[in-house]
Amino acid sequence: MNYRAFIVGGHGANFQKPSLVKAFLSSMARIKKLANESPVVAVNLSNHPHKNNLFANRDKIRQGESANPFISSSNFFQFIEQQEDSASKK
């Protein structure tokens, strides 16, 4: 079976100027739109292991969990929402 994956290149917003925060939030909105196009993104290829639970998911696979924990569209979209929330709060 094939899955669509996505990597977000940069998880933090530069908060020195309000326009940069707006650009970051605009990028997150665009990513959500693109990720929802068929086939929906189901794999988060994060460049930081804590952003996609890399080690916890690896351990689940090693323990013989039947479902692949790396394949989850809801996890990808939760990640995007966390990035938006973090930027909005700062």
Protein backbone atom coordinates (compact mmCIF):
# COMPACT_ATOMS: atom_id res chain seq x y z
CA MET A 1 0.00 0.00 0.00
CA ASN A 2 1.21 3.53 -0.76
CA TYR A 3 1.01 6.48 1.63
CA ARG A 4 1.53 10.18 1.14
CA ALA A 5 4.17 11.74 3.39
CA PHE A 6 5.06 15.35 4.19
CA ILE A 7 7.97 17.09 5.87
CA VAL A 8 7.62 20.57 7.28
CA GLY A 9 10.95 22.34 6.83
CA GLY A 10 10.99 24.64 9.81
CA HIS A 11 8.79 24.36 12.85
CA GLY A 12 9.34 27.72 14.44
CA ALA A 13 8.29 31.18 13.48
CA ASN A 14 10.58 34.17 13.59
CA PHE A 15 8.82 36.50 15.99
CA GLN A 16 10.90 39.60 15.42
CA LYS A 17 8.26 41.05 13.12
CA PRO A 18 4.49 40.46 13.15
CA SER A 19 4.59 40.00 9.38
CA LEU A 20 6.82 36.94 9.82
CA VAL A 21 4.36 35.33 12.23
CA LYS A 22 1.57 35.99 9.74
CA ALA A 23 3.66 34.39 6.99
CA PHE A 24 4.31 31.33 9.18
CA LEU A 25 0.60 30.93 9.96
CA SER A 26 -0.22 31.38 6.28
CA SER A 27 2.25 28.62 5.45
CA MET A 28 0.66 26.28 7.99
CA ALA A 29 -2.77 26.96 6.47
CA ARG A 30 -1.40 26.21 3.01
CA ILE A 31 0.19 22.98 4.25
CA LYS A 32 -3.15 21.88 5.73
CA LYS A 33 -4.89 22.59 2.42
CA LEU A 34 -2.29 20.67 0.40
CA ALA A 35 -2.20 17.81 2.91
CA ASN A 36 -5.97 17.36 2.67
CA GLU A 37 -5.84 16.83 -1.07
CA SER A 38 -6.20 13.24 -2.13
CA PRO A 39 -4.46 11.17 -1.07
CA VAL A 40 -4.47 12.75 2.38
CA VAL A 41 -1.07 12.97 4.09
CA ALA A 42 -0.70 10.05 6.48
CA VAL A 43 3.01 10.17 7.37
CA ASN A 44 4.77 13.04 9.16
CA LEU A 45 8.44 13.04 8.15
CA SER A 46 9.55 15.50 10.76
CA ASN A 47 13.12 16.77 10.87
CA HIS A 48 12.99 16.70 14.69
CA PRO A 49 12.34 13.30 16.32
CA HIS A 50 10.19 14.73 19.12
CA LYS A 51 7.78 16.30 16.61
CA ASN A 52 6.56 12.95 15.26
CA ASN A 53 7.21 10.72 18.31
CA LEU A 54 9.97 8.94 16.40
CA PHE A 55 11.40 6.93 19.29
CA ALA A 56 8.06 6.06 20.92
CA ASN A 57 6.71 4.91 17.56
CA ARG A 58 9.86 2.88 16.90
CA ASP A 59 9.41 1.18 20.25
CA LYS A 60 5.78 0.34 19.43
CA ILE A 61 6.93 -1.38 16.25
CA ARG A 62 9.63 -3.28 18.14
CA GLN A 63 7.02 -4.43 20.65
CA GLY A 64 5.02 -5.93 17.80
CA GLU A 65 2.17 -3.46 17.61
CA SER A 66 0.04 -4.51 14.64
CA ALA A 67 -0.71 -1.04 13.29
CA ASN A 68 2.17 1.08 12.06
CA PRO A 69 2.20 4.12 14.41
CA PHE A 70 3.97 6.26 11.80
CA ILE A 71 0.94 6.06 9.50
CA SER A 72 -1.73 8.39 10.85
CA SER A 73 -3.31 11.35 9.11
CA SER A 74 -4.78 12.53 12.42
CA ASN A 75 -1.28 12.66 13.95
CA PHE A 76 -0.02 14.78 11.04
CA PHE A 77 -2.85 17.27 11.34
CA GLN A 78 -2.47 17.43 15.14
CA PHE A 79 1.18 18.31 14.54
CA ILE A 80 0.20 21.16 12.21
CA GLU A 81 -2.35 22.45 14.74
CA GLN A 82 0.30 22.39 17.47
CA GLN A 83 2.58 24.50 15.29
CA GLU A 84 -0.22 26.99 14.67
CA ASP A 85 -1.12 27.16 18.36
CA SER A 86 2.50 27.67 19.38
CA ALA A 87 2.98 30.50 16.88
CA SER A 88 -0.31 32.15 17.82
CA LYS A 89 0.55 32.16 21.52
CA LYS A 90 3.96 33.71 21.01
